[in-house]
C-alpha atoms as a PDB file:
ATOM      1  CA  UNK A   1      20.355 -32.601 -22.586  1.00  0.00           C
ATOM      2  CA  UNK A   2      17.990 -29.636 -22.569  1.00  0.00           C
ATOM      3  CA  UNK A   3      17.881 -27.302 -19.488  1.00  0.00           C
ATOM      4  CA  UNK A   4      14.613 -28.369 -16.944  1.00  0.00           C
ATOM      5  CA  UNK A   5      11.984 -26.277 -18.140  1.00  0.00           C
ATOM      6  CA  UNK A   6       8.406 -24.915 -15.715  1.00  0.00           C
ATOM      7  CA  UNK A   7       8.159 -23.847 -12.130  1.00  0.00           C
ATOM      8  CA  UNK A   8      10.819 -24.716  -9.678  1.00  0.00           C
ATOM      9  CA  UNK A   9       9.846 -26.853  -7.036  1.00  0.00           C
ATOM     10  CA  UNK A  10       8.378 -25.298  -3.823  1.00  0.00           C
ATOM     11  CA  UNK A  11      10.630 -25.685  -0.483  1.00  0.00           C
ATOM     12  CA  UNK A  12       7.321 -26.883   1.440  1.00  0.00           C
ATOM     13  CA  UNK A  13       4.856 -27.965  -1.169  1.00  0.00           C
ATOM     14  CA  UNK A  14       1.291 -27.946   0.131  1.00  0.00           C
ATOM     15  CA  UNK A  15      -0.317 -31.430  -1.100  1.00  0.00           C
ATOM     16  CA  UNK A  16      -2.834 -31.902   1.623  1.00  0.00           C
ATOM     17  CA  UNK A  17      -6.352 -30.637   0.932  1.00  0.00           C
ATOM     18  CA  UNK A  18      -9.211 -30.367   3.065  1.00  0.00           C
ATOM     19  CA  UNK A  19     -12.552 -29.326   2.620  1.00  0.00           C
ATOM     20  CA  UNK A  20     -14.669 -27.749   5.100  1.00  0.00           C
ATOM     21  CA  UNK A  21     -18.101 -26.397   5.035  1.00  0.00           C
ATOM     22  CA  UNK A  22     -18.891 -22.264   6.030  1.00  0.00           C
ATOM     23  CA  UNK A  23     -22.067 -20.685   6.889  1.00  0.00           C
ATOM     24  CA  UNK A  24     -22.936 -17.702   4.269  1.00  0.00           C
ATOM     25  CA  UNK A  25     -21.517 -14.620   7.270  1.00  0.00           C
ATOM     26  CA  UNK A  26     -18.638 -16.576   7.962  1.00  0.00           C
ATOM     27  CA  UNK A  27     -17.385 -16.940   4.355  1.00  0.00           C
ATOM     28  CA  UNK A  28     -18.199 -13.307   3.818  1.00  0.00           C
ATOM     29  CA  UNK A  29     -16.043 -12.524   6.758  1.00  0.00           C
ATOM     30  CA  UNK A  30     -13.246 -14.575   4.622  1.00  0.00           C
ATOM     31  CA  UNK A  31     -13.645 -12.665   1.732  1.00  0.00           C
ATOM     32  CA  UNK A  32     -13.535  -9.515   3.290  1.00  0.00           C
ATOM     33  CA  UNK A  33     -10.320 -10.163   5.541  1.00  0.00           C
ATOM     34  CA  UNK A  34      -8.827 -11.450   2.137  1.00  0.00           C
ATOM     35  CA  UNK A  35      -9.229  -8.611   0.065  1.00  0.00           C
ATOM     36  CA  UNK A  36      -8.088  -6.118   2.914  1.00  0.00           C
ATOM     37  CA  UNK A  37      -5.095  -8.199   3.535  1.00  0.00           C
ATOM     38  CA  UNK A  38      -4.516  -9.080   0.038  1.00  0.00           C
ATOM     39  CA  UNK A  39      -3.905 -12.720   0.975  1.00  0.00           C
ATOM     40  CA  UNK A  40      -5.926 -15.836  -0.368  1.00  0.00           C
ATOM     41  CA  UNK A  41      -8.563 -18.190   1.549  1.00  0.00           C
ATOM     42  CA  UNK A  42      -6.058 -20.781   2.074  1.00  0.00           C
ATOM     43  CA  UNK A  43      -3.241 -18.418   3.418  1.00  0.00           C
ATOM     44  CA  UNK A  44      -5.833 -16.881   5.711  1.00  0.00           C
ATOM     45  CA  UNK A  45      -6.909 -20.054   7.179  1.00  0.00           C
ATOM     46  CA  UNK A  46      -3.277 -21.214   7.428  1.00  0.00           C
ATOM     47  CA  UNK A  47      -2.595 -18.223   9.528  1.00  0.00           C
ATOM     48  CA  UNK A  48      -5.729 -18.814  11.467  1.00  0.00           C
ATOM     49  CA  UNK A  49      -4.466 -22.402  12.460  1.00  0.00           C
ATOM     50  CA  UNK A  50      -0.960 -21.240  13.387  1.00  0.00           C
ATOM     51  CA  UNK A  51      -2.741 -18.828  15.998  1.00  0.00           C
ATOM     52  CA  UNK A  52      -4.386 -21.422  17.658  1.00  0.00           C
ATOM     53  CA  UNK A  53      -1.844 -23.510  18.167  1.00  0.00           C
ATOM     54  CA  UNK A  54       0.542 -20.637  19.449  1.00  0.00           C
ATOM     55  CA  UNK A  55      -2.073 -19.332  21.997  1.00  0.00           C
ATOM     56  CA  UNK A  56      -1.876 -22.827  23.347  1.00  0.00           C
ATOM     57  CA  UNK A  57       1.917 -22.422  24.262  1.00  0.00           C
END
């Protein structure tokens, strides 16, 4: 048998998708934040969710 090819499986795959609507001002702020911190929009949104959940504790 030949060795497995391709990318290794992720530990925590992100298979759930959401579609959201943003106003132009919020989108611009999100883009600026992502640019400054060199992260994707998805990463920024996930961080924001965790901040909200941690604040509830």
